[in-house]
N, C-alpha and C. Protein backbone atom coordinates (compact mmCIF):
# COMPACT_ATOMS: atom_id res chain seq x y z
N UNK A 1 0.82 -1.20 0.00
CA UNK A 1 0.00 0.00 0.00
C UNK A 1 0.86 1.26 0.00
N UNK A 2 2.03 1.22 0.58
CA UNK A 2 2.91 2.38 0.59
C UNK A 2 3.19 2.86 -0.82
N UNK A 3 3.27 1.95 -1.76
CA UNK A 3 3.56 2.33 -3.14
C UNK A 3 2.51 3.28 -3.70
N UNK A 4 1.24 3.09 -3.31
CA UNK A 4 0.19 3.98 -3.79
C UNK A 4 0.43 5.40 -3.29
N UNK A 5 0.87 5.53 -2.06
CA UNK A 5 1.11 6.85 -1.49
C UNK A 5 2.31 7.53 -2.12
N UNK A 6 3.17 6.78 -2.76
CA UNK A 6 4.33 7.38 -3.43
C UNK A 6 4.14 7.48 -4.93
N UNK A 7 2.95 7.13 -5.43
CA UNK A 7 2.66 7.29 -6.84
C UNK A 7 2.82 6.03 -7.67
N UNK A 8 3.20 4.92 -7.08
CA UNK A 8 3.34 3.67 -7.81
C UNK A 8 2.21 2.73 -7.41
N UNK A 9 1.72 1.99 -8.38
CA UNK A 9 0.66 1.05 -8.09
C UNK A 9 1.26 -0.27 -7.64
N UNK A 10 0.80 -0.82 -6.52
CA UNK A 10 1.33 -2.10 -6.06
C UNK A 10 0.75 -3.26 -6.86
N UNK A 11 1.41 -4.37 -6.81
CA UNK A 11 0.87 -5.58 -7.40
C UNK A 11 -0.34 -6.00 -6.57
N UNK A 12 -1.39 -6.54 -7.19
CA UNK A 12 -2.56 -6.98 -6.42
C UNK A 12 -2.15 -7.99 -5.35
N UNK A 13 -2.68 -7.79 -4.16
CA UNK A 13 -2.44 -8.68 -3.02
C UNK A 13 -0.96 -8.83 -2.69
N UNK A 14 -0.13 -7.85 -3.03
CA UNK A 14 1.30 -7.96 -2.74
C UNK A 14 1.61 -7.65 -1.28
N UNK A 15 0.74 -6.95 -0.60
CA UNK A 15 0.94 -6.67 0.81
C UNK A 15 -0.41 -6.58 1.50
N UNK A 16 -0.43 -6.87 2.79
CA UNK A 16 -1.71 -6.78 3.51
C UNK A 16 -2.12 -5.31 3.64
N UNK A 17 -3.42 -5.04 3.68
CA UNK A 17 -3.86 -3.65 3.82
C UNK A 17 -3.49 -3.10 5.20
N UNK A 18 -3.34 -1.79 5.27
CA UNK A 18 -3.09 -1.14 6.55
C UNK A 18 -4.34 -1.20 7.41
N UNK A 19 -4.16 -1.10 8.71
CA UNK A 19 -5.31 -0.96 9.60
C UNK A 19 -5.94 0.40 9.31
N UNK A 20 -7.20 0.59 9.70
CA UNK A 20 -7.87 1.87 9.48
C UNK A 20 -7.08 3.02 10.10
N UNK A 21 -6.61 2.83 11.32
CA UNK A 21 -5.89 3.89 12.03
C UNK A 21 -4.56 4.20 11.33
N UNK A 22 -3.83 3.18 10.93
CA UNK A 22 -2.54 3.38 10.28
C UNK A 22 -2.73 4.08 8.93
N UNK A 23 -3.73 3.65 8.16
CA UNK A 23 -3.98 4.28 6.86
C UNK A 23 -4.38 5.73 7.03
N UNK A 24 -5.23 6.01 8.02
CA UNK A 24 -5.65 7.40 8.28
C UNK A 24 -4.44 8.25 8.65
N UNK A 25 -3.54 7.71 9.46
CA UNK A 25 -2.32 8.43 9.84
C UNK A 25 -1.44 8.71 8.62
N UNK A 26 -1.32 7.74 7.70
CA UNK A 26 -0.53 7.92 6.48
C UNK A 26 -1.15 9.00 5.59
N UNK A 27 -2.46 8.98 5.46
CA UNK A 27 -3.15 9.98 4.64
C UNK A 27 -2.95 11.37 5.23
N UNK A 28 -3.11 11.51 6.55
CA UNK A 28 -2.93 12.81 7.19
C UNK A 28 -1.49 13.32 7.01
N UNK A 29 -0.51 12.43 7.11
CA UNK A 29 0.88 12.82 6.90
C UNK A 29 1.11 13.28 5.46
N UNK A 30 0.54 12.55 4.51
CA UNK A 30 0.66 12.91 3.10
C UNK A 30 0.09 14.31 2.84
N UNK A 31 -1.10 14.54 3.35
CA UNK A 31 -1.77 15.83 3.15
C UNK A 31 -1.01 16.95 3.85
N UNK A 32 -0.56 16.72 5.06
CA UNK A 32 0.19 17.73 5.81
C UNK A 32 1.49 18.08 5.10
N UNK A 33 2.21 17.08 4.62
CA UNK A 33 3.48 17.33 3.94
C UNK A 33 3.32 18.09 2.63
N UNK A 34 2.21 17.87 1.93
CA UNK A 34 2.01 18.48 0.61
C UNK A 34 1.13 19.73 0.61
N UNK A 35 0.63 20.13 1.77
CA UNK A 35 -0.31 21.25 1.84
C UNK A 35 0.36 22.58 1.49
N UNK A 36 -0.31 23.41 0.68
CA UNK A 36 0.21 24.76 0.43
C UNK A 36 0.01 25.61 1.69
N UNK A 37 0.76 26.70 1.78
CA UNK A 37 0.63 27.61 2.92
C UNK A 37 -0.37 28.72 2.57
N UNK A 38 -1.23 29.03 3.49
CA UNK A 38 -2.24 30.06 3.31
C UNK A 38 -1.69 31.42 3.76
N UNK A 39 -1.94 32.43 2.93
CA UNK A 39 -1.53 33.78 3.30
C UNK A 39 -2.59 34.78 2.87
N UNK A 40 -2.48 35.98 3.44
CA UNK A 40 -3.34 37.10 3.05
C UNK A 40 -2.44 38.22 2.57
N UNK A 41 -2.96 39.00 1.61
CA UNK A 41 -2.31 40.25 1.22
C UNK A 41 -3.09 41.34 1.95
N UNK A 42 -2.42 42.02 2.84
CA UNK A 42 -3.06 43.06 3.65
C UNK A 42 -2.65 44.43 3.13
N UNK A 43 -3.65 45.27 2.92
CA UNK A 43 -3.43 46.65 2.51
C UNK A 43 -3.59 47.53 3.75
N UNK A 44 -2.54 48.28 4.07
CA UNK A 44 -2.57 49.19 5.21
C UNK A 44 -2.67 50.61 4.70
N UNK A 45 -3.61 51.37 5.26
CA UNK A 45 -3.86 52.73 4.80
C UNK A 45 -3.24 53.74 5.76
N UNK A 46 -2.52 54.71 5.18
CA UNK A 46 -1.92 55.77 5.98
C UNK A 46 -0.92 55.23 6.98
N UNK A 47 -0.79 55.92 8.09
CA UNK A 47 0.13 55.52 9.15
C UNK A 47 -0.65 54.75 10.21
N UNK A 48 -0.90 53.47 9.92
CA UNK A 48 -1.67 52.59 10.82
C UNK A 48 -3.08 53.14 11.09
N UNK A 49 -3.68 53.76 10.04
CA UNK A 49 -5.02 54.31 10.18
C UNK A 49 -6.10 53.25 9.99
N UNK A 50 -5.86 52.33 9.06
CA UNK A 50 -6.85 51.30 8.77
C UNK A 50 -6.16 50.20 7.97
N UNK A 51 -6.82 49.06 7.82
CA UNK A 51 -6.27 47.95 7.04
C UNK A 51 -7.41 47.15 6.44
N UNK A 52 -7.06 46.40 5.39
CA UNK A 52 -8.05 45.62 4.65
C UNK A 52 -7.35 44.40 4.07
N UNK A 53 -8.00 43.25 4.11
CA UNK A 53 -7.47 42.07 3.42
C UNK A 53 -7.83 42.23 1.96
N UNK A 54 -6.82 42.41 1.13
CA UNK A 54 -7.04 42.62 -0.30
C UNK A 54 -7.15 41.33 -1.08
N UNK A 55 -6.50 40.28 -0.57
CA UNK A 55 -6.50 39.00 -1.30
C UNK A 55 -6.11 37.87 -0.36
N UNK A 56 -6.46 36.68 -0.80
CA UNK A 56 -6.06 35.44 -0.14
C UNK A 56 -5.23 34.62 -1.12
N UNK A 57 -4.27 33.89 -0.58
CA UNK A 57 -3.42 33.12 -1.47
C UNK A 57 -2.99 31.79 -0.89
N UNK A 58 -2.59 30.91 -1.79
CA UNK A 58 -2.00 29.62 -1.44
C UNK A 58 -0.60 29.59 -2.03
N UNK A 59 0.38 29.37 -1.17
CA UNK A 59 1.78 29.32 -1.61
C UNK A 59 2.21 27.88 -1.79
N UNK A 60 2.62 27.55 -3.01
CA UNK A 60 3.16 26.25 -3.35
C UNK A 60 4.67 26.38 -3.46
N UNK A 61 5.41 25.29 -3.53
CA UNK A 61 6.87 25.40 -3.62
C UNK A 61 7.36 26.22 -4.81
N UNK A 62 6.65 26.17 -5.94
CA UNK A 62 7.14 26.84 -7.15
C UNK A 62 6.28 28.00 -7.65
N UNK A 63 5.19 28.33 -6.96
CA UNK A 63 4.34 29.44 -7.35
C UNK A 63 3.31 29.73 -6.27
N UNK A 64 2.49 30.74 -6.49
CA UNK A 64 1.38 31.06 -5.59
C UNK A 64 0.13 31.32 -6.42
N UNK A 65 -0.99 30.93 -5.88
CA UNK A 65 -2.31 31.20 -6.47
C UNK A 65 -3.00 32.20 -5.56
N UNK A 66 -3.52 33.28 -6.15
CA UNK A 66 -4.09 34.38 -5.37
C UNK A 66 -5.45 34.76 -5.94
N UNK A 67 -6.38 35.08 -5.05
CA UNK A 67 -7.68 35.59 -5.47
C UNK A 67 -8.00 36.81 -4.59
N UNK A 68 -8.48 37.88 -5.23
CA UNK A 68 -8.83 39.06 -4.46
C UNK A 68 -9.97 38.73 -3.51
N UNK A 69 -10.03 39.47 -2.42
CA UNK A 69 -11.06 39.22 -1.41
C UNK A 69 -12.47 39.34 -1.99
N UNK A 70 -12.61 40.19 -3.00
CA UNK A 70 -13.92 40.36 -3.64
C UNK A 70 -14.19 39.28 -4.68
N UNK A 71 -13.18 38.51 -5.01
CA UNK A 71 -13.34 37.44 -5.99
C UNK A 71 -13.32 37.92 -7.43
N UNK A 72 -12.87 39.14 -7.67
CA UNK A 72 -12.92 39.70 -9.02
C UNK A 72 -11.66 39.43 -9.85
N UNK A 73 -10.59 38.98 -9.21
CA UNK A 73 -9.35 38.72 -9.94
C UNK A 73 -8.63 37.52 -9.33
N UNK A 74 -8.17 36.64 -10.20
CA UNK A 74 -7.36 35.50 -9.78
C UNK A 74 -6.03 35.59 -10.50
N UNK A 75 -4.96 35.24 -9.77
CA UNK A 75 -3.62 35.34 -10.35
C UNK A 75 -2.79 34.12 -9.98
N UNK A 76 -1.90 33.78 -10.89
CA UNK A 76 -0.84 32.82 -10.61
C UNK A 76 0.45 33.61 -10.71
N UNK A 77 1.21 33.65 -9.61
CA UNK A 77 2.43 34.45 -9.54
C UNK A 77 3.60 33.60 -9.08
N UNK A 78 4.82 34.13 -9.24
CA UNK A 78 6.01 33.39 -8.86
C UNK A 78 6.09 33.13 -7.37
N UNK A 79 5.68 34.11 -6.58
CA UNK A 79 5.80 34.00 -5.12
C UNK A 79 4.75 34.90 -4.48
N UNK A 80 4.45 34.69 -3.20
CA UNK A 80 3.51 35.59 -2.53
C UNK A 80 3.96 37.05 -2.59
N UNK A 81 5.25 37.31 -2.41
CA UNK A 81 5.73 38.69 -2.46
C UNK A 81 5.52 39.35 -3.81
N UNK A 82 5.55 38.59 -4.88
CA UNK A 82 5.36 39.19 -6.20
C UNK A 82 3.92 39.66 -6.42
N UNK A 83 3.03 39.32 -5.52
CA UNK A 83 1.64 39.77 -5.58
C UNK A 83 1.50 41.22 -5.14
N UNK A 84 2.39 41.66 -4.29
CA UNK A 84 2.23 42.96 -3.63
C UNK A 84 2.11 44.13 -4.59
N UNK A 85 2.81 44.09 -5.71
CA UNK A 85 2.78 45.24 -6.63
C UNK A 85 1.39 45.52 -7.18
N UNK A 86 0.51 44.52 -7.16
CA UNK A 86 -0.86 44.70 -7.66
C UNK A 86 -1.75 45.42 -6.65
N UNK A 87 -1.25 45.60 -5.44
CA UNK A 87 -2.06 46.21 -4.39
C UNK A 87 -1.51 47.54 -3.90
N UNK A 88 -0.63 48.12 -4.69
CA UNK A 88 -0.05 49.41 -4.32
C UNK A 88 -0.91 50.56 -4.82
N UNK A 89 -1.00 51.57 -4.02
CA UNK A 89 -1.72 52.81 -4.37
C UNK A 89 -1.13 53.91 -3.49
N UNK A 90 -1.40 55.17 -3.83
CA UNK A 90 -0.90 56.23 -2.97
C UNK A 90 -1.38 56.06 -1.53
N UNK A 91 -0.45 56.20 -0.60
CA UNK A 91 -0.75 56.11 0.83
C UNK A 91 -1.20 54.72 1.28
N UNK A 92 -0.84 53.69 0.49
CA UNK A 92 -1.20 52.30 0.84
C UNK A 92 0.08 51.47 0.88
N UNK A 93 0.24 50.70 1.93
CA UNK A 93 1.33 49.75 2.05
C UNK A 93 0.73 48.35 1.99
N UNK A 94 1.32 47.48 1.20
CA UNK A 94 0.82 46.10 1.08
C UNK A 94 1.85 45.15 1.65
N UNK A 95 1.38 44.10 2.31
CA UNK A 95 2.29 43.08 2.82
C UNK A 95 1.62 41.72 2.88
N UNK A 96 2.44 40.70 2.90
CA UNK A 96 1.96 39.33 3.02
C UNK A 96 1.93 38.97 4.50
N UNK A 97 0.82 38.39 4.94
CA UNK A 97 0.69 37.91 6.30
C UNK A 97 0.40 36.41 6.23
N UNK A 98 1.29 35.61 6.81
CA UNK A 98 1.12 34.15 6.80
C UNK A 98 0.10 33.75 7.84
N UNK A 99 -0.83 32.92 7.46
CA UNK A 99 -1.91 32.52 8.35
C UNK A 99 -1.45 31.48 9.36
N UNK A 100 -0.57 30.59 8.94
CA UNK A 100 -0.15 29.51 9.82
C UNK A 100 0.84 29.92 10.89
N UNK A 101 1.36 31.13 10.82
CA UNK A 101 2.29 31.60 11.81
C UNK A 101 3.67 30.97 11.74
N UNK A 102 3.94 30.15 10.73
CA UNK A 102 5.22 29.48 10.63
C UNK A 102 6.30 30.34 9.99
N UNK A 103 5.88 31.30 9.18
CA UNK A 103 6.86 32.15 8.50
C UNK A 103 6.74 33.58 8.97
N UNK A 104 7.79 34.30 8.84
CA UNK A 104 7.75 35.71 9.17
C UNK A 104 6.93 36.45 8.12
N UNK A 105 6.29 37.55 8.54
CA UNK A 105 5.59 38.38 7.55
C UNK A 105 6.61 38.89 6.56
N UNK A 106 6.20 38.96 5.32
CA UNK A 106 7.08 39.50 4.29
C UNK A 106 7.25 41.00 4.50
N UNK A 107 8.26 41.54 3.90
CA UNK A 107 8.48 42.98 3.97
C UNK A 107 7.33 43.70 3.29
N UNK A 108 6.92 44.77 3.88
CA UNK A 108 5.85 45.58 3.29
C UNK A 108 6.38 46.38 2.12
N UNK A 109 5.51 46.65 1.18
CA UNK A 109 5.84 47.46 0.01
C UNK A 109 4.89 48.64 0.00
N UNK A 110 5.44 49.84 0.00
CA UNK A 110 4.64 51.05 0.05
C UNK A 110 4.29 51.54 -1.34
N UNK A 111 3.09 52.08 -1.45
CA UNK A 111 2.64 52.62 -2.73
C UNK A 111 2.62 54.11 -2.72
């Protein structure tokens, strides 16, 4: 069964099936290891006067998928930071905020 989790098909009846608990643990590990990281693009107005979530994104190892909070624009970009230029305006600073808390916030970019 391990072969299926690595992308190879096992021979029929080549190994006994995993117990329900063991298989569930393997599936959870697979999903956890391959999960993209969730982030928000936050637009800050003025000198800490107000803020708005401009977009949500999923960061994959080789790119990021982003959708504006209003759902009007979807983008595929090289990295979460490369999204920031689309959210710049006068008196607006944009930055990436990681939802999982595992990474540091990206540097803000002022417009």
